[in-house]
Amino acid sequence: QGQLYPQAAARMEAFRQIFPNDEIEFFVGLRNPASFFPAILPKTPY
């Protein structure tokens, strides 16, 4: 959909449902799309 990880927010909502009364902290490392896209391409069916 022209986005990076389009399901990120929905999947984080699932985590909050799994741990409804806990404090969730989110950690993520970003990567330059110039190398990110070529790195993930072989791992996809495209």
ModelCIF file with pLDDT and N, C-alpha, C, O atoms, coordinates in Angstrom:
data_MODEL
#
_entry.id   MODEL 
#
_entity.id                         1 
_entity.type                       polymer 
_entity.pdbx_number_of_molecules   1 
#
_entity_poly.entity_id                      1 
_entity_poly.type                           'polypeptide(L)' 
_entity_poly.nstd_linkage                   no 
_entity_poly.nstd_monomer                   no 
_entity_poly.pdbx_seq_one_letter_code       QGQLYPQAAARMEAFRQIFPNDEIEFFVGLRNPASFFPAILPKTPY 
_entity_poly.pdbx_seq_one_letter_code_can   QGQLYPQAAARMEAFRQIFPNDEIEFFVGLRNPASFFPAILPKTPY 
_entity_poly.pdbx_strand_id                 A 
#
loop_
_entity_poly_seq.entity_id 
_entity_poly_seq.num 
_entity_poly_seq.mon_id 
_entity_poly_seq.hetero 
1 1  GLN n 
1 2  GLY n 
1 3  GLN n 
1 4  LEU n 
1 5  TYR n 
1 6  PRO n 
1 7  GLN n 
1 8  ALA n 
1 9  ALA n 
1 10 ALA n 
1 11 ARG n 
1 12 MET n 
1 13 GLU n 
1 14 ALA n 
1 15 PHE n 
1 16 ARG n 
1 17 GLN n 
1 18 ILE n 
1 19 PHE n 
1 20 PRO n 
1 21 ASN n 
1 22 ASP n 
1 23 GLU n 
1 24 ILE n 
1 25 GLU n 
1 26 PHE n 
1 27 PHE n 
1 28 VAL n 
1 29 GLY n 
1 30 LEU n 
1 31 ARG n 
1 32 ASN n 
1 33 PRO n 
1 34 ALA n 
1 35 SER n 
1 36 PHE n 
1 37 PHE n 
1 38 PRO n 
1 39 ALA n 
1 40 ILE n 
1 41 LEU n 
1 42 PRO n 
1 43 LYS n 
1 44 THR n 
1 45 PRO n 
1 46 TYR n 
#
_struct_asym.id          A 
_struct_asym.entity_id   1 
#
loop_
_ma_qa_metric.id 
_ma_qa_metric.mode 
_ma_qa_metric.name 
_ma_qa_metric.software_group_id 
_ma_qa_metric.type 
1 global pLDDT . pLDDT 
2 local  pLDDT . pLDDT 
#
_ma_qa_metric_global.metric_id      1 
_ma_qa_metric_global.metric_value   96.13 
_ma_qa_metric_global.model_id       1 
_ma_qa_metric_global.ordinal_id     1 
#
loop_
_ma_qa_metric_local.label_asym_id 
_ma_qa_metric_local.label_comp_id 
_ma_qa_metric_local.label_seq_id 
_ma_qa_metric_local.metric_id 
_ma_qa_metric_local.metric_value 
_ma_qa_metric_local.model_id 
_ma_qa_metric_local.ordinal_id 
A GLN 1  2 92.00 1 1  
A GLY 2  2 94.00 1 2  
A GLN 3  2 97.00 1 3  
A LEU 4  2 98.00 1 4  
A TYR 5  2 98.00 1 5  
A PRO 6  2 97.00 1 6  
A GLN 7  2 96.00 1 7  
A ALA 8  2 97.00 1 8  
A ALA 9  2 96.00 1 9  
A ALA 10 2 95.00 1 10 
A ARG 11 2 95.00 1 11 
A MET 12 2 96.00 1 12 
A GLU 13 2 95.00 1 13 
A ALA 14 2 95.00 1 14 
A PHE 15 2 96.00 1 15 
A ARG 16 2 94.00 1 16 
A GLN 17 2 92.00 1 17 
A ILE 18 2 94.00 1 18 
A PHE 19 2 95.00 1 19 
A PRO 20 2 94.00 1 20 
A ASN 21 2 94.00 1 21 
A ASP 22 2 97.00 1 22 
A GLU 23 2 97.00 1 23 
A ILE 24 2 98.00 1 24 
A GLU 25 2 98.00 1 25 
A PHE 26 2 98.00 1 26 
A PHE 27 2 98.00 1 27 
A VAL 28 2 98.00 1 28 
A GLY 29 2 98.00 1 29 
A LEU 30 2 98.00 1 30 
A ARG 31 2 98.00 1 31 
A ASN 32 2 97.00 1 32 
A PRO 33 2 97.00 1 33 
A ALA 34 2 96.00 1 34 
A SER 35 2 96.00 1 35 
A PHE 36 2 97.00 1 36 
A PHE 37 2 97.00 1 37 
A PRO 38 2 96.00 1 38 
A ALA 39 2 95.00 1 39 
A ILE 40 2 97.00 1 40 
A LEU 41 2 96.00 1 41 
A PRO 42 2 95.00 1 42 
A LYS 43 2 96.00 1 43 
A THR 44 2 97.00 1 44 
A PRO 45 2 96.00 1 45 
A TYR 46 2 96.00 1 46 
#
loop_
_atom_site.group_PDB 
_atom_site.id 
_atom_site.type_symbol 
_atom_site.label_atom_id 
_atom_site.label_alt_id 
_atom_site.label_comp_id 
_atom_site.label_asym_id 
_atom_site.label_entity_id 
_atom_site.label_seq_id 
_atom_site.pdbx_PDB_ins_code 
_atom_site.Cartn_x 
_atom_site.Cartn_y 
_atom_site.Cartn_z 
_atom_site.occupancy 
_atom_site.B_iso_or_equiv 
_atom_site.pdbx_formal_charge 
_atom_site.auth_seq_id 
_atom_site.auth_comp_id 
_atom_site.auth_asym_id 
_atom_site.auth_atom_id 
_atom_site.pdbx_PDB_model_num 
ATOM 1   N N  . GLN A 1 1  ? 0.823  -1.215  0.000  1.00 92.00 ? 1  GLN A N  1 
ATOM 2   C CA . GLN A 1 1  ? 0.000  0.000   0.000  1.00 92.00 ? 1  GLN A CA 1 
ATOM 3   C C  . GLN A 1 1  ? 0.856  1.262   0.000  1.00 92.00 ? 1  GLN A C  1 
ATOM 4   O O  . GLN A 1 1  ? 0.446  2.311   0.498  1.00 92.00 ? 1  GLN A O  1 
ATOM 5   N N  . GLY A 1 2  ? 2.052  1.137   -0.569 1.00 94.00 ? 2  GLY A N  1 
ATOM 6   C CA . GLY A 1 2  ? 2.946  2.293   -0.592 1.00 94.00 ? 2  GLY A CA 1 
ATOM 7   C C  . GLY A 1 2  ? 3.518  2.635   0.776  1.00 94.00 ? 2  GLY A C  1 
ATOM 8   O O  . GLY A 1 2  ? 3.990  3.751   0.991  1.00 94.00 ? 2  GLY A O  1 
ATOM 9   N N  . GLN A 1 3  ? 3.478  1.668   1.714  1.00 97.00 ? 3  GLN A N  1 
ATOM 10  C CA . GLN A 1 3  ? 3.917  1.905   3.085  1.00 97.00 ? 3  GLN A CA 1 
ATOM 11  C C  . GLN A 1 3  ? 4.909  0.841   3.529  1.00 97.00 ? 3  GLN A C  1 
ATOM 12  O O  . GLN A 1 3  ? 4.979  -0.248  2.960  1.00 97.00 ? 3  GLN A O  1 
ATOM 13  N N  . LEU A 1 4  ? 5.670  1.182   4.553  1.00 98.00 ? 4  LEU A N  1 
ATOM 14  C CA . LEU A 1 4  ? 6.509  0.215   5.249  1.00 98.00 ? 4  LEU A CA 1 
ATOM 15  C C  . LEU A 1 4  ? 5.715  -0.348  6.415  1.00 98.00 ? 4  LEU A C  1 
ATOM 16  O O  . LEU A 1 4  ? 5.191  0.403   7.237  1.00 98.00 ? 4  LEU A O  1 
ATOM 17  N N  . TYR A 1 5  ? 5.627  -1.669  6.486  1.00 98.00 ? 5  TYR A N  1 
ATOM 18  C CA . TYR A 1 5  ? 4.884  -2.373  7.535  1.00 98.00 ? 5  TYR A CA 1 
ATOM 19  C C  . TYR A 1 5  ? 3.474  -1.803  7.727  1.00 98.00 ? 5  TYR A C  1 
ATOM 20  O O  . TYR A 1 5  ? 3.167  -1.241  8.778  1.00 98.00 ? 5  TYR A O  1 
ATOM 21  N N  . PRO A 1 6  ? 2.631  -1.950  6.721  1.00 97.00 ? 6  PRO A N  1 
ATOM 22  C CA . PRO A 1 6  ? 1.283  -1.386  6.815  1.00 97.00 ? 6  PRO A CA 1 
ATOM 23  C C  . PRO A 1 6  ? 0.447  -1.950  7.961  1.00 97.00 ? 6  PRO A C  1 
ATOM 24  O O  . PRO A 1 6  ? -0.515 -1.308  8.383  1.00 97.00 ? 6  PRO A O  1 
ATOM 25  N N  . GLN A 1 7  ? 0.789  -3.146  8.480  1.00 96.00 ? 7  GLN A N  1 
ATOM 26  C CA . GLN A 1 7  ? 0.006  -3.734  9.568  1.00 96.00 ? 7  GLN A CA 1 
ATOM 27  C C  . GLN A 1 7  ? 0.606  -3.457  10.951 1.00 96.00 ? 7  GLN A C  1 
ATOM 28  O O  . GLN A 1 7  ? 0.161  -4.029  11.947 1.00 96.00 ? 7  GLN A O  1 
ATOM 29  N N  . ALA A 1 8  ? 1.604  -2.591  11.012 1.00 97.00 ? 8  ALA A N  1 
ATOM 30  C CA . ALA A 1 8  ? 2.301  -2.365  12.279 1.00 97.00 ? 8  ALA A CA 1 
ATOM 31  C C  . ALA A 1 8  ? 1.361  -1.947  13.410 1.00 97.00 ? 8  ALA A C  1 
ATOM 32  O O  . ALA A 1 8  ? 1.406  -2.528  14.495 1.00 97.00 ? 8  ALA A O  1 
ATOM 33  N N  . ALA A 1 9  ? 0.526  -0.965  13.173 1.00 96.00 ? 9  ALA A N  1 
ATOM 34  C CA . ALA A 1 9  ? -0.351 -0.466  14.238 1.00 96.00 ? 9  ALA A CA 1 
ATOM 35  C C  . ALA A 1 9  ? -1.360 -1.517  14.669 1.00 96.00 ? 9  ALA A C  1 
ATOM 36  O O  . ALA A 1 9  ? -1.633 -1.666  15.860 1.00 96.00 ? 9  ALA A O  1 
ATOM 37  N N  . ALA A 1 10 ? -1.921 -2.257  13.696 1.00 95.00 ? 10 ALA A N  1 
ATOM 38  C CA . ALA A 1 10 ? -2.905 -3.284  14.027 1.00 95.00 ? 10 ALA A CA 1 
ATOM 39  C C  . ALA A 1 10 ? -2.269 -4.422  14.816 1.00 95.00 ? 10 ALA A C  1 
ATOM 40  O O  . ALA A 1 10 ? -2.872 -4.950  15.750 1.00 95.00 ? 10 ALA A O  1 
ATOM 41  N N  . ARG A 1 11 ? -1.065 -4.794  14.442 1.00 95.00 ? 11 ARG A N  1 
ATOM 42  C CA . ARG A 1 11 ? -0.393 -5.881  15.168 1.00 95.00 ? 11 ARG A CA 1 
ATOM 43  C C  . ARG A 1 11 ? 0.035  -5.419  16.565 1.00 95.00 ? 11 ARG A C  1 
ATOM 44  O O  . ARG A 1 11 ? 0.039  -6.212  17.506 1.00 95.00 ? 11 ARG A O  1 
ATOM 45  N N  . MET A 1 12 ? 0.389  -4.157  16.698 1.00 96.00 ? 12 MET A N  1 
ATOM 46  C CA . MET A 1 12 ? 0.706  -3.662  18.037 1.00 96.00 ? 12 MET A CA 1 
ATOM 47  C C  . MET A 1 12 ? -0.553 -3.652  18.904 1.00 96.00 ? 12 MET A C  1 
ATOM 48  O O  . MET A 1 12 ? -0.479 -3.899  20.108 1.00 96.00 ? 12 MET A O  1 
ATOM 49  N N  . GLU A 1 13 ? -1.695 -3.372  18.305 1.00 95.00 ? 13 GLU A N  1 
ATOM 50  C CA . GLU A 1 13 ? -2.949 -3.436  19.046 1.00 95.00 ? 13 GLU A CA 1 
ATOM 51  C C  . GLU A 1 13 ? -3.191 -4.856  19.556 1.00 95.00 ? 13 GLU A C  1 
ATOM 52  O O  . GLU A 1 13 ? -3.711 -5.046  20.655 1.00 95.00 ? 13 GLU A O  1 
ATOM 53  N N  . ALA A 1 14 ? -2.812 -5.853  18.751 1.00 95.00 ? 14 ALA A N  1 
ATOM 54  C CA . ALA A 1 14 ? -2.961 -7.247  19.193 1.00 95.00 ? 14 ALA A CA 1 
ATOM 55  C C  . ALA A 1 14 ? -2.078 -7.518  20.405 1.00 95.00 ? 14 ALA A C  1 
ATOM 56  O O  . ALA A 1 14 ? -2.489 -8.208  21.338 1.00 95.00 ? 14 ALA A O  1 
ATOM 57  N N  . PHE A 1 15 ? -0.861 -6.972  20.387 1.00 96.00 ? 15 PHE A N  1 
ATOM 58  C CA . PHE A 1 15 ? 0.009  -7.129  21.554 1.00 96.00 ? 15 PHE A CA 1 
ATOM 59  C C  . PHE A 1 15 ? -0.628 -6.499  22.788 1.00 96.00 ? 15 PHE A C  1 
ATOM 60  O O  . PHE A 1 15 ? -0.536 -7.048  23.887 1.00 96.00 ? 15 PHE A O  1 
ATOM 61  N N  . ARG A 1 16 ? -1.261 -5.370  22.613 1.00 94.00 ? 16 ARG A N  1 
ATOM 62  C CA . ARG A 1 16 ? -1.874 -4.692  23.760 1.00 94.00 ? 16 ARG A CA 1 
ATOM 63  C C  . ARG A 1 16 ? -3.073 -5.480  24.268 1.00 94.00 ? 16 ARG A C  1 
ATOM 64  O O  . ARG A 1 16 ? -3.424 -5.388  25.444 1.00 94.00 ? 16 ARG A O  1 
ATOM 65  N N  . GLN A 1 17 ? -3.691 -6.239  23.404 1.00 92.00 ? 17 GLN A N  1 
ATOM 66  C CA . GLN A 1 17 ? -4.782 -7.105  23.855 1.00 92.00 ? 17 GLN A CA 1 
ATOM 67  C C  . GLN A 1 17 ? -4.248 -8.333  24.586 1.00 92.00 ? 17 GLN A C  1 
ATOM 68  O O  . GLN A 1 17 ? -4.869 -8.827  25.527 1.00 92.00 ? 17 GLN A O  1 
ATOM 69  N N  . ILE A 1 18 ? -3.088 -8.820  24.142 1.00 94.00 ? 18 ILE A N  1 
ATOM 70  C CA . ILE A 1 18 ? -2.473 -9.958  24.832 1.00 94.00 ? 18 ILE A CA 1 
ATOM 71  C C  . ILE A 1 18 ? -2.024 -9.551  26.229 1.00 94.00 ? 18 ILE A C  1 
ATOM 72  O O  . ILE A 1 18 ? -2.175 -10.307 27.188 1.00 94.00 ? 18 ILE A O  1 
ATOM 73  N N  . PHE A 1 19 ? -1.464 -8.332  26.331 1.00 95.00 ? 19 PHE A N  1 
ATOM 74  C CA . PHE A 1 19 ? -0.952 -7.822  27.610 1.00 95.00 ? 19 PHE A CA 1 
ATOM 75  C C  . PHE A 1 19 ? -1.740 -6.571  27.995 1.00 95.00 ? 19 PHE A C  1 
ATOM 76  O O  . PHE A 1 19 ? -1.183 -5.473  28.008 1.00 95.00 ? 19 PHE A O  1 
ATOM 77  N N  . PRO A 1 20 ? -3.029 -6.724  28.310 1.00 94.00 ? 20 PRO A N  1 
ATOM 78  C CA . PRO A 1 20 ? -3.919 -5.565  28.468 1.00 94.00 ? 20 PRO A CA 1 
ATOM 79  C C  . PRO A 1 20 ? -3.587 -4.640  29.637 1.00 94.00 ? 20 PRO A C  1 
ATOM 80  O O  . PRO A 1 20 ? -3.863 -3.442  29.573 1.00 94.00 ? 20 PRO A O  1 
ATOM 81  N N  . ASN A 1 21 ? -3.011 -5.171  30.680 1.00 94.00 ? 21 ASN A N  1 
ATOM 82  C CA . ASN A 1 21 ? -2.742 -4.346  31.863 1.00 94.00 ? 21 ASN A CA 1 
ATOM 83  C C  . ASN A 1 21 ? -1.255 -4.104  32.084 1.00 94.00 ? 21 ASN A C  1 
ATOM 84  O O  . ASN A 1 21 ? -0.841 -3.628  33.141 1.00 94.00 ? 21 ASN A O  1 
ATOM 85  N N  . ASP A 1 22 ? -0.462 -4.436  31.076 1.00 97.00 ? 22 ASP A N  1 
ATOM 86  C CA . ASP A 1 22 ? 0.983  -4.239  31.169 1.00 97.00 ? 22 ASP A CA 1 
ATOM 87  C C  . ASP A 1 22 ? 1.401  -3.013  30.373 1.00 97.00 ? 22 ASP A C  1 
ATOM 88  O O  . ASP A 1 22 ? 0.655  -2.533  29.519 1.00 97.00 ? 22 ASP A O  1 
ATOM 89  N N  . GLU A 1 23 ? 2.581  -2.514  30.652 1.00 97.00 ? 23 GLU A N  1 
ATOM 90  C CA . GLU A 1 23 ? 3.119  -1.358  29.927 1.00 97.00 ? 23 GLU A CA 1 
ATOM 91  C C  . GLU A 1 23 ? 4.014  -1.858  28.794 1.00 97.00 ? 23 GLU A C  1 
ATOM 92  O O  . GLU A 1 23 ? 5.094  -2.396  29.035 1.00 97.00 ? 23 GLU A O  1 
ATOM 93  N N  . ILE A 1 24 ? 3.561  -1.677  27.576 1.00 98.00 ? 24 ILE A N  1 
ATOM 94  C CA . ILE A 1 24 ? 4.325  -2.143  26.423 1.00 98.00 ? 24 ILE A CA 1 
ATOM 95  C C  . ILE A 1 24 ? 5.272  -1.050  25.940 1.00 98.00 ? 24 ILE A C  1 
ATOM 96  O O  . ILE A 1 24 ? 4.886  0.110   25.794 1.00 98.00 ? 24 ILE A O  1 
ATOM 97  N N  . GLU A 1 25 ? 6.516  -1.446  25.697 1.00 98.00 ? 25 GLU A N  1 
ATOM 98  C CA . GLU A 1 25 ? 7.513  -0.548  25.119 1.00 98.00 ? 25 GLU A CA 1 
ATOM 99  C C  . GLU A 1 25 ? 7.931  -1.107  23.764 1.00 98.00 ? 25 GLU A C  1 
ATOM 100 O O  . GLU A 1 25 ? 8.143  -2.312  23.621 1.00 98.00 ? 25 GLU A O  1 
ATOM 101 N N  . PHE A 1 26 ? 8.047  -0.238  22.782 1.00 98.00 ? 26 PHE A N  1 
ATOM 102 C CA . PHE A 1 26 ? 8.352  -0.651  21.419 1.00 98.00 ? 26 PHE A CA 1 
ATOM 103 C C  . PHE A 1 26 ? 9.779  -0.256  21.049 1.00 98.00 ? 26 PHE A C  1 
ATOM 104 O O  . PHE A 1 26 ? 10.191 0.884   21.258 1.00 98.00 ? 26 PHE A O  1 
ATOM 105 N N  . PHE A 1 27 ? 10.533 -1.218  20.492 1.00 98.00 ? 27 PHE A N  1 
ATOM 106 C CA . PHE A 1 27 ? 11.897 -0.977  20.043 1.00 98.00 ? 27 PHE A CA 1 
ATOM 107 C C  . PHE A 1 27 ? 12.023 -1.413  18.588 1.00 98.00 ? 27 PHE A C  1 
ATOM 108 O O  . PHE A 1 27 ? 11.550 -2.489  18.220 1.00 98.00 ? 27 PHE A O  1 
ATOM 109 N N  . VAL A 1 28 ? 12.661 -0.583  17.755 1.00 98.00 ? 28 VAL A N  1 
ATOM 110 C CA . VAL A 1 28 ? 12.875 -0.974  16.367 1.00 98.00 ? 28 VAL A CA 1 
ATOM 111 C C  . VAL A 1 28 ? 14.086 -0.255  15.789 1.00 98.00 ? 28 VAL A C  1 
ATOM 112 O O  . VAL A 1 28 ? 14.310 0.927   16.051 1.00 98.00 ? 28 VAL A O  1 
ATOM 113 N N  . GLY A 1 29 ? 14.860 -0.987  15.000 1.00 98.00 ? 29 GLY A N  1 
ATOM 114 C CA . GLY A 1 29 ? 15.971 -0.407  14.267 1.00 98.00 ? 29 GLY A CA 1 
ATOM 115 C C  . GLY A 1 29 ? 15.564 -0.200  12.818 1.00 98.00 ? 29 GLY A C  1 
ATOM 116 O O  . GLY A 1 29 ? 15.028 -1.115  12.193 1.00 98.00 ? 29 GLY A O  1 
ATOM 117 N N  . LEU A 1 30 ? 15.808 0.981   12.275 1.00 98.00 ? 30 LEU A N  1 
ATOM 118 C CA . LEU A 1 30 ? 15.458 1.300   10.898 1.00 98.00 ? 30 LEU A CA 1 
ATOM 119 C C  . LEU A 1 30 ? 16.633 0.984   9.972  1.00 98.00 ? 30 LEU A C  1 
ATOM 120 O O  . LEU A 1 30 ? 17.764 0.810   10.424 1.00 98.00 ? 30 LEU A O  1 
ATOM 121 N N  . ARG A 1 31 ? 16.350 0.913   8.678  1.00 98.00 ? 31 ARG A N  1 
ATOM 122 C CA . ARG A 1 31 ? 17.411 0.657   7.706  1.00 98.00 ? 31 ARG A CA 1 
ATOM 123 C C  . ARG A 1 31 ? 17.135 1.428   6.427  1.00 98.00 ? 31 ARG A C  1 
ATOM 124 O O  . ARG A 1 31 ? 15.988 1.576   6.006  1.00 98.00 ? 31 ARG A O  1 
ATOM 125 N N  . ASN A 1 32 ? 18.192 1.908   5.827  1.00 97.00 ? 32 ASN A N  1 
ATOM 126 C CA . ASN A 1 32 ? 18.106 2.649   4.579  1.00 97.00 ? 32 ASN A CA 1 
ATOM 127 C C  . ASN A 1 32 ? 17.376 1.807   3.527  1.00 97.00 ? 32 ASN A C  1 
ATOM 128 O O  . ASN A 1 32 ? 17.818 0.698   3.226  1.00 97.00 ? 32 ASN A O  1 
ATOM 129 N N  . PRO A 1 33 ? 16.266 2.306   2.959  1.00 97.00 ? 33 PRO A N  1 
ATOM 130 C CA . PRO A 1 33 ? 15.561 1.546   1.925  1.00 97.00 ? 33 PRO A CA 1 
ATOM 131 C C  . PRO A 1 33 ? 16.442 1.142   0.748  1.00 97.00 ? 33 PRO A C  1 
ATOM 132 O O  . PRO A 1 33 ? 16.156 0.157   0.068  1.00 97.00 ? 33 PRO A O  1 
ATOM 133 N N  . ALA A 1 34 ? 17.510 1.896   0.504  1.00 96.00 ? 34 ALA A N  1 
ATOM 134 C CA . ALA A 1 34 ? 18.416 1.561   -0.599 1.00 96.00 ? 34 ALA A CA 1 
ATOM 135 C C  . ALA A 1 34 ? 19.042 0.192   -0.408 1.00 96.00 ? 34 ALA A C  1 
ATOM 136 O O  . ALA A 1 34 ? 19.359 -0.481  -1.389 1.00 96.00 ? 34 ALA A O  1 
ATOM 137 N N  . SER A 1 35 ? 19.227 -0.236  0.836  1.00 96.00 ? 35 SER A N  1 
ATOM 138 C CA . SER A 1 35 ? 19.744 -1.581  1.114  1.00 96.00 ? 35 SER A CA 1 
ATOM 139 C C  . SER A 1 35 ? 18.678 -2.487  1.710  1.00 96.00 ? 35 SER A C  1 
ATOM 140 O O  . SER A 1 35 ? 18.782 -3.709  1.612  1.00 96.00 ? 35 SER A O  1 
ATOM 141 N N  . PHE A 1 36 ? 17.653 -1.902  2.327  1.00 97.00 ? 36 PHE A N  1 
ATOM 142 C CA . PHE A 1 36 ? 16.585 -2.683  2.956  1.00 97.00 ? 36 PHE A CA 1 
ATOM 143 C C  . PHE A 1 36 ? 15.779 -3.458  1.915  1.00 97.00 ? 36 PHE A C  1 
ATOM 144 O O  . PHE A 1 36 ? 15.561 -4.661  2.060  1.00 97.00 ? 36 PHE A O  1 
ATOM 145 N N  . PHE A 1 37 ? 15.347 -2.776  0.887  1.00 97.00 ? 37 PHE A N  1 
ATOM 146 C CA . PHE A 1 37 ? 14.544 -3.436  -0.139 1.00 97.00 ? 37 PHE A CA 1 
ATOM 147 C C  . PHE A 1 37 ? 15.303 -4.572  -0.832 1.00 97.00 ? 37 PHE A C  1 
ATOM 148 O O  . PHE A 1 37 ? 14.755 -5.667  -0.963 1.00 97.00 ? 37 PHE A O  1 
ATOM 149 N N  . PRO A 1 38 ? 16.546 -4.350  -1.282 1.00 96.00 ? 38 PRO A N  1 
ATOM 150 C CA . PRO A 1 38 ? 17.286 -5.459  -1.894 1.00 96.00 ? 38 PRO A CA 1 
ATOM 151 C C  . PRO A 1 38 ? 17.523 -6.623  -0.934 1.00 96.00 ? 38 PRO A C  1 
ATOM 152 O O  . PRO A 1 38 ? 17.606 -7.773  -1.363 1.00 96.00 ? 38 PRO A O  1 
ATOM 153 N N  . ALA A 1 39 ? 17.635 -6.327  0.378  1.00 95.00 ? 39 ALA A N  1 
ATOM 154 C CA . ALA A 1 39 ? 17.887 -7.390  1.355  1.00 95.00 ? 39 ALA A CA 1 
ATOM 155 C C  . ALA A 1 39 ? 16.672 -8.271  1.572  1.00 95.00 ? 39 ALA A C  1 
ATOM 156 O O  . ALA A 1 39 ? 16.814 -9.481  1.749  1.00 95.00 ? 39 ALA A O  1 
ATOM 157 N N  . ILE A 1 40 ? 15.472 -7.689  1.562  1.00 97.00 ? 40 ILE A N  1 
ATOM 158 C CA . ILE A 1 40 ? 14.277 -8.494  1.830  1.00 97.00 ? 40 ILE A CA 1 
ATOM 159 C C  . ILE A 1 40 ? 13.714 -9.144  0.571  1.00 97.00 ? 40 ILE A C  1 
ATOM 160 O O  . ILE A 1 40 ? 12.984 -10.130 0.666  1.00 97.00 ? 40 ILE A O  1 
ATOM 161 N N  . LEU A 1 41 ? 14.037 -8.611  -0.609 1.00 96.00 ? 41 LEU A N  1 
ATOM 162 C CA . LEU A 1 41 ? 13.469 -9.144  -1.846 1.00 96.00 ? 41 LEU A CA 1 
ATOM 163 C C  . LEU A 1 41 ? 13.646 -10.659 -1.997 1.00 96.00 ? 41 LEU A C  1 
ATOM 164 O O  . LEU A 1 41 ? 12.678 -11.342 -2.331 1.00 96.00 ? 41 LEU A O  1 
ATOM 165 N N  . PRO A 1 42 ? 14.857 -11.219 -1.761 1.00 95.00 ? 42 PRO A N  1 
ATOM 166 C CA . PRO A 1 42 ? 15.023 -12.678 -1.919 1.00 95.00 ? 42 PRO A CA 1 
ATOM 167 C C  . PRO A 1 42 ? 14.215 -13.491 -0.922 1.00 95.00 ? 42 PRO A C  1 
ATOM 168 O O  . PRO A 1 42 ? 14.017 -14.691 -1.116 1.00 95.00 ? 42 PRO A O  1 
ATOM 169 N N  . LYS A 1 43 ? 13.748 -12.856 0.140  1.00 96.00 ? 43 LYS A N  1 
ATOM 170 C CA . LYS A 1 43 ? 12.967 -13.559 1.159  1.00 96.00 ? 43 LYS A CA 1 
ATOM 171 C C  . LYS A 1 43 ? 11.469 -13.510 0.857  1.00 96.00 ? 43 LYS A C  1 
ATOM 172 O O  . LYS A 1 43 ? 10.659 -13.994 1.648  1.00 96.00 ? 43 LYS A O  1 
ATOM 173 N N  . THR A 1 44 ? 11.104 -12.928 -0.279 1.00 97.00 ? 44 THR A N  1 
ATOM 174 C CA . THR A 1 44 ? 9.700  -12.802 -0.662 1.00 97.00 ? 44 THR A CA 1 
ATOM 175 C C  . THR A 1 44 ? 9.443  -13.632 -1.923 1.00 97.00 ? 44 THR A C  1 
ATOM 176 O O  . THR A 1 44 ? 10.387 -14.102 -2.557 1.00 97.00 ? 44 THR A O  1 
ATOM 177 N N  . PRO A 1 45 ? 8.174  -13.814 -2.287 1.00 96.00 ? 45 PRO A N  1 
ATOM 178 C CA . PRO A 1 45 ? 7.869  -14.561 -3.513 1.00 96.00 ? 45 PRO A CA 1 
ATOM 179 C C  . PRO A 1 45 ? 7.940  -13.703 -4.773 1.00 96.00 ? 45 PRO A C  1 
ATOM 180 O O  . PRO A 1 45 ? 7.701  -14.192 -5.877 1.00 96.00 ? 45 PRO A O  1 
ATOM 181 N N  . TYR A 1 46 ? 8.270  -12.419 -4.605 1.00 96.00 ? 46 TYR A N  1 
ATOM 182 C CA . TYR A 1 46 ? 8.270  -11.523 -5.761 1.00 96.00 ? 46 TYR A CA 1 
ATOM 183 C C  . TYR A 1 46 ? 9.472  -11.773 -6.667 1.00 96.00 ? 46 TYR A C  1 
ATOM 184 O O  . TYR A 1 46 ? 9.626  -11.103 -7.688 1.00 96.00 ? 46 TYR A O  1 
#
